[in-house]
């Protein structure tokens, strides 16, 4: 994932069970957002992605919480 990628939030079930993606059990959100900033948090030693959602809200997520829709 990188700056400018279009992403959507993965549902809890899909994070644990990737085979559920695209099935009727897929609980992923249909909302899309754009990565506007990539940060590395030393405290947790992970990259954190700041996402601007279509409703104007901005939130921080780890890579395993997001799925790239379009690069």
PDB file of N, CA and C in Angstrom:
ATOM      1  N   UNK A   1       0.838  -1.172   0.000  1.00  0.00           N
ATOM      2  CA  UNK A   1       0.000   0.000   0.000  1.00  0.00           C
ATOM      3  C   UNK A   1       0.886   1.239   0.000  1.00  0.00           C
ATOM      4  N   UNK A   2       0.400   2.251  -0.717  1.00  0.00           N
ATOM      5  CA  UNK A   2       1.161   3.489  -0.761  1.00  0.00           C
ATOM      6  C   UNK A   2       0.230   4.679  -0.861  1.00  0.00           C
ATOM      7  N   UNK A   3       0.799   5.845  -0.767  1.00  0.00           N
ATOM      8  CA  UNK A   3       0.069   7.088  -0.835  1.00  0.00           C
ATOM      9  C   UNK A   3      -0.758   7.160  -2.122  1.00  0.00           C
ATOM     10  N   UNK A   4      -2.036   7.508  -1.999  1.00  0.00           N
ATOM     11  CA  UNK A   4      -2.910   7.657  -3.161  1.00  0.00           C
ATOM     12  C   UNK A   4      -3.703   6.418  -3.531  1.00  0.00           C
ATOM     13  N   UNK A   5      -3.427   5.271  -2.910  1.00  0.00           N
ATOM     14  CA  UNK A   5      -4.184   4.047  -3.202  1.00  0.00           C
ATOM     15  C   UNK A   5      -5.620   4.172  -2.703  1.00  0.00           C
ATOM     16  N   UNK A   6      -6.548   3.617  -3.457  1.00  0.00           N
ATOM     17  CA  UNK A   6      -7.954   3.539  -3.063  1.00  0.00           C
ATOM     18  C   UNK A   6      -8.127   2.264  -2.252  1.00  0.00           C
ATOM     19  N   UNK A   7      -8.663   2.386  -1.048  1.00  0.00           N
ATOM     20  CA  UNK A   7      -8.772   1.239  -0.146  1.00  0.00           C
ATOM     21  C   UNK A   7     -10.181   1.132   0.427  1.00  0.00           C
ATOM     22  N   UNK A   8     -10.475  -0.047   0.962  1.00  0.00           N
ATOM     23  CA  UNK A   8     -11.692  -0.222   1.741  1.00  0.00           C
ATOM     24  C   UNK A   8     -11.349  -1.038   2.972  1.00  0.00           C
ATOM     25  N   UNK A   9     -12.172  -0.891   3.991  1.00  0.00           N
ATOM     26  CA  UNK A   9     -11.959  -1.526   5.286  1.00  0.00           C
ATOM     27  C   UNK A   9     -12.369  -2.986   5.229  1.00  0.00           C
ATOM     28  N   UNK A  10     -11.493  -3.889   5.712  1.00  0.00           N
ATOM     29  CA  UNK A  10     -11.825  -5.311   5.785  1.00  0.00           C
ATOM     30  C   UNK A  10     -12.690  -5.567   7.005  1.00  0.00           C
ATOM     31  N   UNK A  11     -13.672  -6.416   6.868  1.00  0.00           N
ATOM     32  CA  UNK A  11     -14.494  -6.807   8.007  1.00  0.00           C
ATOM     33  C   UNK A  11     -13.741  -7.757   8.918  1.00  0.00           C
ATOM     34  N   UNK A  12     -14.226  -7.906  10.140  1.00  0.00           N
ATOM     35  CA  UNK A  12     -13.555  -8.763  11.121  1.00  0.00           C
ATOM     36  C   UNK A  12     -13.488 -10.216  10.675  1.00  0.00           C
ATOM     37  N   UNK A  13     -14.556 -10.710  10.070  1.00  0.00           N
ATOM     38  CA  UNK A  13     -14.574 -12.102   9.625  1.00  0.00           C
ATOM     39  C   UNK A  13     -13.584 -12.341   8.497  1.00  0.00           C
ATOM     40  N   UNK A  14     -13.482 -11.398   7.589  1.00  0.00           N
ATOM     41  CA  UNK A  14     -12.591 -11.568   6.428  1.00  0.00           C
ATOM     42  C   UNK A  14     -11.126 -11.485   6.849  1.00  0.00           C
ATOM     43  N   UNK A  15     -10.816 -10.682   7.868  1.00  0.00           N
ATOM     44  CA  UNK A  15      -9.434 -10.616   8.359  1.00  0.00           C
ATOM     45  C   UNK A  15      -8.996 -11.961   8.907  1.00  0.00           C
ATOM     46  N   UNK A  16      -9.883 -12.644   9.603  1.00  0.00           N
ATOM     47  CA  UNK A  16      -9.558 -13.928  10.218  1.00  0.00           C
ATOM     48  C   UNK A  16      -9.699 -15.077   9.218  1.00  0.00           C
ATOM     49  N   UNK A  17     -10.677 -14.976   8.320  1.00  0.00           N
ATOM     50  CA  UNK A  17     -10.973 -16.029   7.350  1.00  0.00           C
ATOM     51  C   UNK A  17     -10.968 -15.452   5.929  1.00  0.00           C
ATOM     52  N   UNK A  18      -9.796 -15.295   5.303  1.00  0.00           N
ATOM     53  CA  UNK A  18      -9.717 -14.656   3.985  1.00  0.00           C
ATOM     54  C   UNK A  18     -10.553 -15.348   2.908  1.00  0.00           C
ATOM     55  N   UNK A  19     -10.855 -16.621   3.075  1.00  0.00           N
ATOM     56  CA  UNK A  19     -11.654 -17.337   2.083  1.00  0.00           C
ATOM     57  C   UNK A  19     -13.089 -16.823   2.022  1.00  0.00           C
ATOM     58  N   UNK A  20     -13.519 -16.065   3.031  1.00  0.00           N
ATOM     59  CA  UNK A  20     -14.883 -15.528   3.051  1.00  0.00           C
ATOM     60  C   UNK A  20     -15.056 -14.318   2.126  1.00  0.00           C
ATOM     61  N   UNK A  21     -13.938 -13.785   1.612  1.00  0.00           N
ATOM     62  CA  UNK A  21     -14.023 -12.608   0.756  1.00  0.00           C
ATOM     63  C   UNK A  21     -14.887 -12.911  -0.469  1.00  0.00           C
ATOM     64  N   UNK A  22     -15.862 -12.054  -0.695  1.00  0.00           N
ATOM     65  CA  UNK A  22     -16.739 -12.213  -1.848  1.00  0.00           C
ATOM     66  C   UNK A  22     -17.913 -13.146  -1.636  1.00  0.00           C
ATOM     67  N   UNK A  23     -18.018 -13.777  -0.467  1.00  0.00           N
ATOM     68  CA  UNK A  23     -19.146 -14.654  -0.181  1.00  0.00           C
ATOM     69  C   UNK A  23     -20.223 -13.859   0.550  1.00  0.00           C
ATOM     70  N   UNK A  24     -21.344 -14.499   0.816  1.00  0.00           N
ATOM     71  CA  UNK A  24     -22.413 -13.817   1.553  1.00  0.00           C
ATOM     72  C   UNK A  24     -22.023 -13.564   3.004  1.00  0.00           C
ATOM     73  N   UNK A  25     -20.952 -14.185   3.484  1.00  0.00           N
ATOM     74  CA  UNK A  25     -20.469 -13.969   4.846  1.00  0.00           C
ATOM     75  C   UNK A  25     -19.453 -12.837   4.932  1.00  0.00           C
ATOM     76  N   UNK A  26     -19.114 -12.232   3.806  1.00  0.00           N
ATOM     77  CA  UNK A  26     -18.154 -11.124   3.770  1.00  0.00           C
ATOM     78  C   UNK A  26     -18.761  -9.907   4.456  1.00  0.00           C
ATOM     79  N   UNK A  27     -18.166  -9.508   5.584  1.00  0.00           N
ATOM     80  CA  UNK A  27     -18.693  -8.376   6.352  1.00  0.00           C
ATOM     81  C   UNK A  27     -17.882  -7.098   6.119  1.00  0.00           C
ATOM     82  N   UNK A  28     -17.135  -7.048   5.014  1.00  0.00           N
ATOM     83  CA  UNK A  28     -16.335  -5.869   4.700  1.00  0.00           C
ATOM     84  C   UNK A  28     -17.226  -4.704   4.302  1.00  0.00           C
ATOM     85  N   UNK A  29     -16.745  -3.510   4.604  1.00  0.00           N
ATOM     86  CA  UNK A  29     -17.468  -2.298   4.268  1.00  0.00           C
ATOM     87  C   UNK A  29     -17.371  -2.027   2.776  1.00  0.00           C
ATOM     88  N   UNK A  30     -18.402  -1.431   2.208  1.00  0.00           N
ATOM     89  CA  UNK A  30     -18.382  -1.045   0.799  1.00  0.00           C
ATOM     90  C   UNK A  30     -17.832   0.361   0.612  1.00  0.00           C
ATOM     91  N   UNK A  31     -17.589   1.074   1.716  1.00  0.00           N
ATOM     92  CA  UNK A  31     -17.068   2.431   1.634  1.00  0.00           C
ATOM     93  C   UNK A  31     -15.604   2.408   1.215  1.00  0.00           C
ATOM     94  N   UNK A  32     -15.238   3.342   0.337  1.00  0.00           N
ATOM     95  CA  UNK A  32     -13.861   3.454  -0.120  1.00  0.00           C
ATOM     96  C   UNK A  32     -13.237   4.742   0.378  1.00  0.00           C
ATOM     97  N   UNK A  33     -11.936   4.719   0.516  1.00  0.00           N
ATOM     98  CA  UNK A  33     -11.191   5.899   0.937  1.00  0.00           C
ATOM     99  C   UNK A  33      -9.850   5.941   0.231  1.00  0.00           C
ATOM    100  N   UNK A  34      -9.134   7.038   0.396  1.00  0.00           N
ATOM    101  CA  UNK A  34      -7.837   7.239  -0.232  1.00  0.00           C
ATOM    102  C   UNK A  34      -6.781   7.403   0.852  1.00  0.00           C
ATOM    103  N   UNK A  35      -5.645   6.729   0.697  1.00  0.00           N
ATOM    104  CA  UNK A  35      -4.543   6.879   1.642  1.00  0.00           C
ATOM    105  C   UNK A  35      -3.920   8.251   1.413  1.00  0.00           C
ATOM    106  N   UNK A  36      -3.910   9.064   2.476  1.00  0.00           N
ATOM    107  CA  UNK A  36      -3.376  10.419   2.343  1.00  0.00           C
ATOM    108  C   UNK A  36      -2.060  10.604   3.093  1.00  0.00           C
ATOM    109  N   UNK A  37      -1.693   9.640   3.926  1.00  0.00           N
ATOM    110  CA  UNK A  37      -0.430   9.743   4.653  1.00  0.00           C
ATOM    111  C   UNK A  37      -0.021   8.359   5.138  1.00  0.00           C
ATOM    112  N   UNK A  38       1.266   8.073   5.073  1.00  0.00           N
ATOM    113  CA  UNK A  38       1.809   6.821   5.598  1.00  0.00           C
ATOM    114  C   UNK A  38       2.797   7.184   6.693  1.00  0.00           C
ATOM    115  N   UNK A  39       2.604   6.616   7.876  1.00  0.00           N
ATOM    116  CA  UNK A  39       3.465   6.912   9.020  1.00  0.00           C
ATOM    117  C   UNK A  39       4.024   5.606   9.577  1.00  0.00           C
ATOM    118  N   UNK A  40       5.179   5.676  10.193  1.00  0.00           N
ATOM    119  CA  UNK A  40       5.729   4.517  10.887  1.00  0.00           C
ATOM    120  C   UNK A  40       5.734   4.837  12.370  1.00  0.00           C
ATOM    121  N   UNK A  41       4.988   4.081  13.143  1.00  0.00           N
ATOM    122  CA  UNK A  41       4.923   4.294  14.578  1.00  0.00           C
ATOM    123  C   UNK A  41       5.972   3.417  15.241  1.00  0.00           C
ATOM    124  N   UNK A  42       6.973   4.054  15.777  1.00  0.00           N
ATOM    125  CA  UNK A  42       8.082   3.346  16.411  1.00  0.00           C
ATOM    126  C   UNK A  42       7.612   2.530  17.609  1.00  0.00           C
ATOM    127  N   UNK A  43       6.633   3.037  18.346  1.00  0.00           N
ATOM    128  CA  UNK A  43       6.155   2.352  19.550  1.00  0.00           C
ATOM    129  C   UNK A  43       5.627   0.948  19.248  1.00  0.00           C
ATOM    130  N   UNK A  44       4.951   0.787  18.112  1.00  0.00           N
ATOM    131  CA  UNK A  44       4.400  -0.527  17.758  1.00  0.00           C
ATOM    132  C   UNK A  44       5.158  -1.168  16.597  1.00  0.00           C
ATOM    133  N   UNK A  45       6.139  -0.440  16.058  1.00  0.00           N
ATOM    134  CA  UNK A  45       6.977  -0.920  14.951  1.00  0.00           C
ATOM    135  C   UNK A  45       6.148  -1.390  13.757  1.00  0.00           C
ATOM    136  N   UNK A  46       5.141  -0.580  13.410  1.00  0.00           N
ATOM    137  CA  UNK A  46       4.268  -0.897  12.266  1.00  0.00           C
ATOM    138  C   UNK A  46       3.950   0.381  11.515  1.00  0.00           C
ATOM    139  N   UNK A  47       3.662   0.210  10.234  1.00  0.00           N
ATOM    140  CA  UNK A  47       3.201   1.346   9.442  1.00  0.00           C
ATOM    141  C   UNK A  47       1.722   1.573   9.707  1.00  0.00           C
ATOM    142  N   UNK A  48       1.358   2.831   9.754  1.00  0.00           N
ATOM    143  CA  UNK A  48      -0.028   3.227   9.971  1.00  0.00           C
ATOM    144  C   UNK A  48      -0.423   4.108   8.789  1.00  0.00           C
ATOM    145  N   UNK A  49      -1.613   3.853   8.256  1.00  0.00           N
ATOM    146  CA  UNK A  49      -2.096   4.565   7.078  1.00  0.00           C
ATOM    147  C   UNK A  49      -3.228   5.492   7.474  1.00  0.00           C
ATOM    148  N   UNK A  50      -3.100   6.765   7.130  1.00  0.00           N
ATOM    149  CA  UNK A  50      -4.154   7.752   7.373  1.00  0.00           C
ATOM    150  C   UNK A  50      -5.032   7.749   6.131  1.00  0.00           C
ATOM    151  N   UNK A  51      -6.336   7.472   6.311  1.00  0.00           N
ATOM    152  CA  UNK A  51      -7.266   7.323   5.194  1.00  0.00           C
ATOM    153  C   UNK A  51      -8.335   8.409   5.241  1.00  0.00           C
ATOM    154  N   UNK A  52      -8.546   9.042   4.103  1.00  0.00           N
ATOM    155  CA  UNK A  52      -9.632  10.009   3.931  1.00  0.00           C
ATOM    156  C   UNK A  52     -10.794   9.255   3.307  1.00  0.00           C
ATOM    157  N   UNK A  53     -11.913   9.132   4.047  1.00  0.00           N
ATOM    158  CA  UNK A  53     -13.086   8.397   3.576  1.00  0.00           C
ATOM    159  C   UNK A  53     -13.998   9.302   2.757  1.00  0.00           C
ATOM    160  N   UNK A  54     -14.911   8.729   2.014  1.00  0.00           N
ATOM    161  CA  UNK A  54     -15.782   9.495   1.110  1.00  0.00           C
ATOM    162  C   UNK A  54     -16.689  10.475   1.854  1.00  0.00           C
ATOM    163  N   UNK A  55     -16.931  10.241   3.141  1.00  0.00           N
ATOM    164  CA  UNK A  55     -17.783  11.155   3.913  1.00  0.00           C
ATOM    165  C   UNK A  55     -16.990  12.296   4.552  1.00  0.00           C
ATOM    166  N   UNK A  56     -15.681  12.376   4.259  1.00  0.00           N
ATOM    167  CA  UNK A  56     -14.850  13.453   4.754  1.00  0.00           C
ATOM    168  C   UNK A  56     -14.120  13.154   6.049  1.00  0.00           C
ATOM    169  N   UNK A  57     -14.381  12.020   6.660  1.00  0.00           N
ATOM    170  CA  UNK A  57     -13.709  11.653   7.911  1.00  0.00           C
ATOM    171  C   UNK A  57     -12.323  11.096   7.609  1.00  0.00           C
ATOM    172  N   UNK A  58     -11.410  11.299   8.543  1.00  0.00           N
ATOM    173  CA  UNK A  58     -10.047  10.800   8.420  1.00  0.00           C
ATOM    174  C   UNK A  58      -9.779   9.878   9.596  1.00  0.00           C
ATOM    175  N   UNK A  59      -9.188   8.708   9.316  1.00  0.00           N
ATOM    176  CA  UNK A  59      -8.879   7.767  10.390  1.00  0.00           C
ATOM    177  C   UNK A  59      -7.573   7.043  10.097  1.00  0.00           C
ATOM    178  N   UNK A  60      -6.969   6.469  11.137  1.00  0.00           N
ATOM    179  CA  UNK A  60      -5.706   5.742  11.032  1.00  0.00           C
ATOM    180  C   UNK A  60      -5.964   4.241  11.120  1.00  0.00           C
ATOM    181  N   UNK A  61      -5.289   3.477  10.238  1.00  0.00           N
ATOM    182  CA  UNK A  61      -5.471   2.031  10.199  1.00  0.00           C
ATOM    183  C   UNK A  61      -4.148   1.338   9.932  1.00  0.00           C
ATOM    184  N   UNK A  62      -4.028   0.102  10.420  1.00  0.00           N
ATOM    185  CA  UNK A  62      -2.903  -0.751  10.071  1.00  0.00           C
ATOM    186  C   UNK A  62      -3.177  -1.403   8.717  1.00  0.00           C
ATOM    187  N   UNK A  63      -2.118  -1.892   8.072  1.00  0.00           N
ATOM    188  CA  UNK A  63      -2.239  -2.483   6.741  1.00  0.00           C
ATOM    189  C   UNK A  63      -3.167  -3.696   6.718  1.00  0.00           C
ATOM    190  N   UNK A  64      -3.170  -4.508   7.765  1.00  0.00           N
ATOM    191  CA  UNK A  64      -4.002  -5.712   7.753  1.00  0.00           C
ATOM    192  C   UNK A  64      -5.486  -5.412   7.947  1.00  0.00           C
ATOM    193  N   UNK A  65      -5.843  -4.147   8.223  1.00  0.00           N
ATOM    194  CA  UNK A  65      -7.247  -3.747   8.336  1.00  0.00           C
ATOM    195  C   UNK A  65      -7.805  -3.230   7.012  1.00  0.00           C
ATOM    196  N   UNK A  66      -6.921  -3.021   6.018  1.00  0.00           N
ATOM    197  CA  UNK A  66      -7.334  -2.399   4.768  1.00  0.00           C
ATOM    198  C   UNK A  66      -7.074  -3.322   3.582  1.00  0.00           C
ATOM    199  N   UNK A  67      -7.847  -3.116   2.539  1.00  0.00           N
ATOM    200  CA  UNK A  67      -7.674  -3.855   1.290  1.00  0.00           C
ATOM    201  C   UNK A  67      -7.579  -2.843   0.151  1.00  0.00           C
ATOM    202  N   UNK A  68      -6.561  -2.987  -0.692  1.00  0.00           N
ATOM    203  CA  UNK A  68      -6.392  -2.076  -1.819  1.00  0.00           C
ATOM    204  C   UNK A  68      -7.395  -2.431  -2.907  1.00  0.00           C
ATOM    205  N   UNK A  69      -8.181  -1.428  -3.328  1.00  0.00           N
ATOM    206  CA  UNK A  69      -9.163  -1.616  -4.391  1.00  0.00           C
ATOM    207  C   UNK A  69      -8.557  -1.217  -5.727  1.00  0.00           C
ATOM    208  N   UNK A  70      -7.807  -0.134  -5.724  1.00  0.00           N
ATOM    209  CA  UNK A  70      -7.213   0.385  -6.946  1.00  0.00           C
ATOM    210  C   UNK A  70      -5.907   1.096  -6.599  1.00  0.00           C
ATOM    211  N   UNK A  71      -4.858   0.803  -7.376  1.00  0.00           N
ATOM    212  CA  UNK A  71      -3.554   1.447  -7.132  1.00  0.00           C
ATOM    213  C   UNK A  71      -3.408   2.653  -8.024  1.00  0.00           C
TER     214      UNK A  71
END
